[in-house]
Amino acid sequence: GKKIAAAKDWTKKLEDVVANAPNWD
């Protein structure tokens, strides 16, 4: 999604992807 994709901090981006993983198919 746009919000997470915009993150420049790779560590923060990875944390957000992991946090949202159960919500995605």
PDB file of all heavy atoms in Angstrom:
ATOM      1  N   GLY A   1       0.818  -1.197   0.000  1.00  0.00           N
ATOM      2  CA  GLY A   1       0.000   0.000   0.000  1.00  0.00           C
ATOM      3  C   GLY A   1       0.857   1.253   0.000  1.00  0.00           C
ATOM      4  O   GLY A   1       2.047   1.218   0.292  1.00  0.00           O
ATOM      5  N   LYS A   2       0.231   2.367  -0.344  1.00  0.00           N
ATOM      6  CA  LYS A   2       0.964   3.619  -0.548  1.00  0.00           C
ATOM      7  C   LYS A   2       1.717   4.093   0.691  1.00  0.00           C
ATOM      8  O   LYS A   2       2.865   4.538   0.612  1.00  0.00           O
ATOM      9  CB  LYS A   2       0.007   4.709  -1.016  1.00  0.00           C
ATOM     10  CG  LYS A   2      -0.478   4.550  -2.446  1.00  0.00           C
ATOM     11  CD  LYS A   2      -1.320   5.754  -2.857  1.00  0.00           C
ATOM     12  CE  LYS A   2      -1.716   5.671  -4.327  1.00  0.00           C
ATOM     13  NZ  LYS A   2      -2.502   6.852  -4.749  1.00  0.00           N
ATOM     14  N   LYS A   3       1.057   4.017   1.857  1.00  0.00           N
ATOM     15  CA  LYS A   3       1.663   4.568   3.069  1.00  0.00           C
ATOM     16  C   LYS A   3       2.943   3.836   3.435  1.00  0.00           C
ATOM     17  O   LYS A   3       3.986   4.457   3.680  1.00  0.00           O
ATOM     18  CB  LYS A   3       0.669   4.510   4.225  1.00  0.00           C
ATOM     19  CG  LYS A   3       1.195   5.153   5.502  1.00  0.00           C
ATOM     20  CD  LYS A   3       0.146   5.127   6.602  1.00  0.00           C
ATOM     21  CE  LYS A   3       0.692   5.765   7.882  1.00  0.00           C
ATOM     22  NZ  LYS A   3      -0.309   5.739   8.984  1.00  0.00           N
ATOM     23  N   ILE A   4       2.892   2.513   3.486  1.00  0.00           N
ATOM     24  CA  ILE A   4       4.083   1.740   3.852  1.00  0.00           C
ATOM     25  C   ILE A   4       5.142   1.844   2.760  1.00  0.00           C
ATOM     26  O   ILE A   4       6.337   1.953   3.046  1.00  0.00           O
ATOM     27  CB  ILE A   4       3.714   0.264   4.113  1.00  0.00           C
ATOM     28  CG1 ILE A   4       2.752   0.163   5.297  1.00  0.00           C
ATOM     29  CG2 ILE A   4       4.965  -0.569   4.379  1.00  0.00           C
ATOM     30  CD1 ILE A   4       2.243  -1.242   5.561  1.00  0.00           C
ATOM     31  N   ALA A   5       4.721   1.825   1.493  1.00  0.00           N
ATOM     32  CA  ALA A   5       5.675   1.896   0.379  1.00  0.00           C
ATOM     33  C   ALA A   5       6.458   3.200   0.386  1.00  0.00           C
ATOM     34  O   ALA A   5       7.587   3.263  -0.113  1.00  0.00           O
ATOM     35  CB  ALA A   5       4.946   1.734  -0.951  1.00  0.00           C
ATOM     36  N   ALA A   6       5.883   4.259   0.954  1.00  0.00           N
ATOM     37  CA  ALA A   6       6.551   5.561   0.954  1.00  0.00           C
ATOM     38  C   ALA A   6       7.679   5.640   1.979  1.00  0.00           C
ATOM     39  O   ALA A   6       8.525   6.528   1.898  1.00  0.00           O
ATOM     40  CB  ALA A   6       5.534   6.670   1.221  1.00  0.00           C
ATOM     41  N   ALA A   7       7.714   4.722   2.934  1.00  0.00           N
ATOM     42  CA  ALA A   7       8.704   4.789   4.016  1.00  0.00           C
ATOM     43  C   ALA A   7      10.126   4.673   3.476  1.00  0.00           C
ATOM     44  O   ALA A   7      10.433   3.778   2.688  1.00  0.00           O
ATOM     45  CB  ALA A   7       8.436   3.683   5.030  1.00  0.00           C
ATOM     46  N   LYS A   8      10.986   5.577   3.926  1.00  0.00           N
ATOM     47  CA  LYS A   8      12.392   5.527   3.513  1.00  0.00           C
ATOM     48  C   LYS A   8      13.220   4.649   4.448  1.00  0.00           C
ATOM     49  O   LYS A   8      14.241   4.100   4.050  1.00  0.00           O
ATOM     50  CB  LYS A   8      12.975   6.942   3.491  1.00  0.00           C
ATOM     51  CG  LYS A   8      12.442   7.809   2.362  1.00  0.00           C
ATOM     52  CD  LYS A   8      13.168   9.147   2.311  1.00  0.00           C
ATOM     53  CE  LYS A   8      12.691   9.975   1.126  1.00  0.00           C
ATOM     54  NZ  LYS A   8      13.380  11.276   1.033  1.00  0.00           N
ATOM     55  N   ASP A   9      12.762   4.547   5.700  1.00  0.00           N
ATOM     56  CA  ASP A   9      13.456   3.729   6.689  1.00  0.00           C
ATOM     57  C   ASP A   9      13.110   2.263   6.431  1.00  0.00           C
ATOM     58  O   ASP A   9      11.992   1.819   6.679  1.00  0.00           O
ATOM     59  CB  ASP A   9      13.011   4.147   8.091  1.00  0.00           C
ATOM     60  CG  ASP A   9      13.781   3.419   9.201  1.00  0.00           C
ATOM     61  OD1 ASP A   9      14.244   2.279   8.958  1.00  0.00           O
ATOM     62  OD2 ASP A   9      13.913   3.973  10.297  1.00  0.00           O
ATOM     63  N   TRP A  10      14.085   1.522   5.923  1.00  0.00           N
ATOM     64  CA  TRP A  10      13.836   0.127   5.544  1.00  0.00           C
ATOM     65  C   TRP A  10      13.416  -0.718   6.748  1.00  0.00           C
ATOM     66  O   TRP A  10      12.508  -1.544   6.649  1.00  0.00           O
ATOM     67  CB  TRP A  10      15.097  -0.463   4.899  1.00  0.00           C
ATOM     68  CG  TRP A  10      15.015  -1.945   4.709  1.00  0.00           C
ATOM     69  CD1 TRP A  10      15.636  -2.904   5.456  1.00  0.00           C
ATOM     70  CD2 TRP A  10      14.249  -2.657   3.734  1.00  0.00           C
ATOM     71  NE1 TRP A  10      15.315  -4.153   5.007  1.00  0.00           N
ATOM     72  CE2 TRP A  10      14.468  -4.031   3.943  1.00  0.00           C
ATOM     73  CE3 TRP A  10      13.409  -2.262   2.707  1.00  0.00           C
ATOM     74  CZ2 TRP A  10      13.885  -5.014   3.170  1.00  0.00           C
ATOM     75  CZ3 TRP A  10      12.820  -3.246   1.931  1.00  0.00           C
ATOM     76  CH2 TRP A  10      13.050  -4.595   2.154  1.00  0.00           C
ATOM     77  N   THR A  11      14.040  -0.492   7.892  1.00  0.00           N
ATOM     78  CA  THR A  11      13.690  -1.262   9.091  1.00  0.00           C
ATOM     79  C   THR A  11      12.237  -1.022   9.474  1.00  0.00           C
ATOM     80  O   THR A  11      11.502  -1.965   9.797  1.00  0.00           O
ATOM     81  CB  THR A  11      14.613  -0.870  10.263  1.00  0.00           C
ATOM     82  OG1 THR A  11      15.978  -1.107   9.878  1.00  0.00           O
ATOM     83  CG2 THR A  11      14.297  -1.683  11.502  1.00  0.00           C
ATOM     84  N   LYS A  12      11.807   0.236   9.433  1.00  0.00           N
ATOM     85  CA  LYS A  12      10.415   0.572   9.757  1.00  0.00           C
ATOM     86  C   LYS A  12       9.464  -0.036   8.727  1.00  0.00           C
ATOM     87  O   LYS A  12       8.389  -0.555   9.074  1.00  0.00           O
ATOM     88  CB  LYS A  12      10.254   2.093   9.783  1.00  0.00           C
ATOM     89  CG  LYS A  12       8.831   2.580  10.072  1.00  0.00           C
ATOM     90  CD  LYS A  12       8.394   2.209  11.484  1.00  0.00           C
ATOM     91  CE  LYS A  12       7.140   2.958  11.910  1.00  0.00           C
ATOM     92  NZ  LYS A  12       5.987   2.713  11.055  1.00  0.00           N
ATOM     93  N   LYS A  13       9.832   0.020   7.460  1.00  0.00           N
ATOM     94  CA  LYS A  13       9.004  -0.566   6.415  1.00  0.00           C
ATOM     95  C   LYS A  13       8.818  -2.063   6.652  1.00  0.00           C
ATOM     96  O   LYS A  13       7.706  -2.602   6.546  1.00  0.00           O
ATOM     97  CB  LYS A  13       9.618  -0.331   5.030  1.00  0.00           C
ATOM     98  CG  LYS A  13       8.839  -0.964   3.886  1.00  0.00           C
ATOM     99  CD  LYS A  13       9.540  -0.789   2.556  1.00  0.00           C
ATOM    100  CE  LYS A  13       9.452   0.625   2.055  1.00  0.00           C
ATOM    101  NZ  LYS A  13       9.972   0.770   0.667  1.00  0.00           N
ATOM    102  N   LEU A  14       9.907  -2.736   6.981  1.00  0.00           N
ATOM    103  CA  LEU A  14       9.852  -4.172   7.223  1.00  0.00           C
ATOM    104  C   LEU A  14       8.961  -4.485   8.431  1.00  0.00           C
ATOM    105  O   LEU A  14       8.165  -5.432   8.395  1.00  0.00           O
ATOM    106  CB  LEU A  14      11.268  -4.708   7.453  1.00  0.00           C
ATOM    107  CG  LEU A  14      11.514  -6.203   7.219  1.00  0.00           C
ATOM    108  CD1 LEU A  14      11.082  -6.611   5.821  1.00  0.00           C
ATOM    109  CD2 LEU A  14      12.990  -6.517   7.428  1.00  0.00           C
ATOM    110  N   GLU A  15       9.076  -3.684   9.474  1.00  0.00           N
ATOM    111  CA  GLU A  15       8.231  -3.873  10.661  1.00  0.00           C
ATOM    112  C   GLU A  15       6.749  -3.722  10.305  1.00  0.00           C
ATOM    113  O   GLU A  15       5.904  -4.494  10.781  1.00  0.00           O
ATOM    114  CB  GLU A  15       8.609  -2.855  11.740  1.00  0.00           C
ATOM    115  CG  GLU A  15       9.957  -3.117  12.401  1.00  0.00           C
ATOM    116  CD  GLU A  15      10.347  -2.015  13.360  1.00  0.00           C
ATOM    117  OE1 GLU A  15       9.606  -1.001  13.446  1.00  0.00           O
ATOM    118  OE2 GLU A  15      11.383  -2.154  14.027  1.00  0.00           O
ATOM    119  N   ASP A  16       6.434  -2.734   9.461  1.00  0.00           N
ATOM    120  CA  ASP A  16       5.040  -2.504   9.076  1.00  0.00           C
ATOM    121  C   ASP A  16       4.503  -3.639   8.207  1.00  0.00           C
ATOM    122  O   ASP A  16       3.332  -4.030   8.322  1.00  0.00           O
ATOM    123  CB  ASP A  16       4.915  -1.174   8.329  1.00  0.00           C
ATOM    124  CG  ASP A  16       5.101   0.031   9.245  1.00  0.00           C
ATOM    125  OD1 ASP A  16       4.976  -0.145  10.471  1.00  0.00           O
ATOM    126  OD2 ASP A  16       5.376   1.139   8.736  1.00  0.00           O
ATOM    127  N   VAL A  17       5.349  -4.166   7.320  1.00  0.00           N
ATOM    128  CA  VAL A  17       4.936  -5.304   6.496  1.00  0.00           C
ATOM    129  C   VAL A  17       4.644  -6.511   7.380  1.00  0.00           C
ATOM    130  O   VAL A  17       3.622  -7.187   7.215  1.00  0.00           O
ATOM    131  CB  VAL A  17       6.027  -5.645   5.447  1.00  0.00           C
ATOM    132  CG1 VAL A  17       5.718  -6.981   4.760  1.00  0.00           C
ATOM    133  CG2 VAL A  17       6.141  -4.545   4.399  1.00  0.00           C
ATOM    134  N   VAL A  18       5.532  -6.784   8.328  1.00  0.00           N
ATOM    135  CA  VAL A  18       5.342  -7.914   9.230  1.00  0.00           C
ATOM    136  C   VAL A  18       4.066  -7.728  10.054  1.00  0.00           C
ATOM    137  O   VAL A  18       3.281  -8.669  10.237  1.00  0.00           O
ATOM    138  CB  VAL A  18       6.572  -8.074  10.162  1.00  0.00           C
ATOM    139  CG1 VAL A  18       6.305  -9.139  11.225  1.00  0.00           C
ATOM    140  CG2 VAL A  18       7.812  -8.444   9.349  1.00  0.00           C
ATOM    141  N   ALA A  19       3.836  -6.517  10.536  1.00  0.00           N
ATOM    142  CA  ALA A  19       2.648  -6.245  11.351  1.00  0.00           C
ATOM    143  C   ALA A  19       1.352  -6.459  10.572  1.00  0.00           C
ATOM    144  O   ALA A  19       0.332  -6.892  11.135  1.00  0.00           O
ATOM    145  CB  ALA A  19       2.702  -4.822  11.895  1.00  0.00           C
ATOM    146  N   ASN A  20       1.368  -6.160   9.271  1.00  0.00           N
ATOM    147  CA  ASN A  20       0.172  -6.268   8.449  1.00  0.00           C
ATOM    148  C   ASN A  20       0.014  -7.620   7.764  1.00  0.00           C
ATOM    149  O   ASN A  20      -1.011  -7.876   7.127  1.00  0.00           O
ATOM    150  CB  ASN A  20       0.168  -5.163   7.387  1.00  0.00           C
ATOM    151  CG  ASN A  20      -0.226  -3.818   7.950  1.00  0.00           C
ATOM    152  OD1 ASN A  20      -1.401  -3.497   8.060  1.00  0.00           O
ATOM    153  ND2 ASN A  20       0.771  -3.027   8.333  1.00  0.00           N
ATOM    154  N   ALA A  21       1.014  -8.467   7.863  1.00  0.00           N
ATOM    155  CA  ALA A  21       1.007  -9.751   7.148  1.00  0.00           C
ATOM    156  C   ALA A  21      -0.267 -10.565   7.342  1.00  0.00           C
ATOM    157  O   ALA A  21      -0.793 -11.131   6.381  1.00  0.00           O
ATOM    158  CB  ALA A  21       2.244 -10.574   7.534  1.00  0.00           C
ATOM    159  N   PRO A  22      -0.833 -10.651   8.558  1.00  0.00           N
ATOM    160  CA  PRO A  22      -2.047 -11.462   8.722  1.00  0.00           C
ATOM    161  C   PRO A  22      -3.271 -10.887   8.007  1.00  0.00           C
ATOM    162  O   PRO A  22      -4.249 -11.618   7.782  1.00  0.00           O
ATOM    163  CB  PRO A  22      -2.267 -11.447  10.251  1.00  0.00           C
ATOM    164  CG  PRO A  22      -0.949 -11.081  10.839  1.00  0.00           C
ATOM    165  CD  PRO A  22      -0.322 -10.156   9.844  1.00  0.00           C
ATOM    166  N   ASN A  23      -3.224  -9.612   7.656  1.00  0.00           N
ATOM    167  CA  ASN A  23      -4.371  -8.965   7.015  1.00  0.00           C
ATOM    168  C   ASN A  23      -4.386  -9.150   5.502  1.00  0.00           C
ATOM    169  O   ASN A  23      -5.351  -8.745   4.847  1.00  0.00           O
ATOM    170  CB  ASN A  23      -4.370  -7.467   7.330  1.00  0.00           C
ATOM    171  CG  ASN A  23      -4.337  -7.184   8.818  1.00  0.00           C
ATOM    172  OD1 ASN A  23      -4.967  -7.901   9.596  1.00  0.00           O
ATOM    173  ND2 ASN A  23      -3.601  -6.159   9.223  1.00  0.00           N
ATOM    174  N   TRP A  24      -3.317  -9.704   4.955  1.00  0.00           N
ATOM    175  CA  TRP A  24      -3.185  -9.805   3.501  1.00  0.00           C
ATOM    176  C   TRP A  24      -3.283 -11.255   3.036  1.00  0.00           C
ATOM    177  O   TRP A  24      -2.849 -12.177   3.731  1.00  0.00           O
ATOM    178  CB  TRP A  24      -1.837  -9.235   3.043  1.00  0.00           C
ATOM    179  CG  TRP A  24      -1.612  -7.793   3.388  1.00  0.00           C
ATOM    180  CD1 TRP A  24      -2.560  -6.840   3.578  1.00  0.00           C
ATOM    181  CD2 TRP A  24      -0.344  -7.161   3.587  1.00  0.00           C
ATOM    182  NE1 TRP A  24      -1.979  -5.630   3.876  1.00  0.00           N
ATOM    183  CE2 TRP A  24      -0.610  -5.799   3.892  1.00  0.00           C
ATOM    184  CE3 TRP A  24       0.975  -7.584   3.531  1.00  0.00           C
ATOM    185  CZ2 TRP A  24       0.406  -4.874   4.130  1.00  0.00           C
ATOM    186  CZ3 TRP A  24       1.988  -6.670   3.771  1.00  0.00           C
ATOM    187  CH2 TRP A  24       1.701  -5.331   4.071  1.00  0.00           C
ATOM    188  N   ASP A  25      -3.826 -11.418   1.846  1.00  0.00           N
ATOM    189  CA  ASP A  25      -3.859 -12.724   1.185  1.00  0.00           C
ATOM    190  C   ASP A  25      -2.945 -12.619  -0.028  1.00  0.00           C
ATOM    191  O   ASP A  25      -3.353 -12.184  -1.104  1.00  0.00           O
ATOM    192  CB  ASP A  25      -5.293 -13.065   0.774  1.00  0.00           C
ATOM    193  CG  ASP A  25      -5.399 -14.473   0.183  1.00  0.00           C
ATOM    194  OD1 ASP A  25      -4.372 -15.188   0.163  1.00  0.00           O
ATOM    195  OD2 ASP A  25      -6.503 -14.849  -0.256  1.00  0.00           O
TER     196      ASP A  25
END
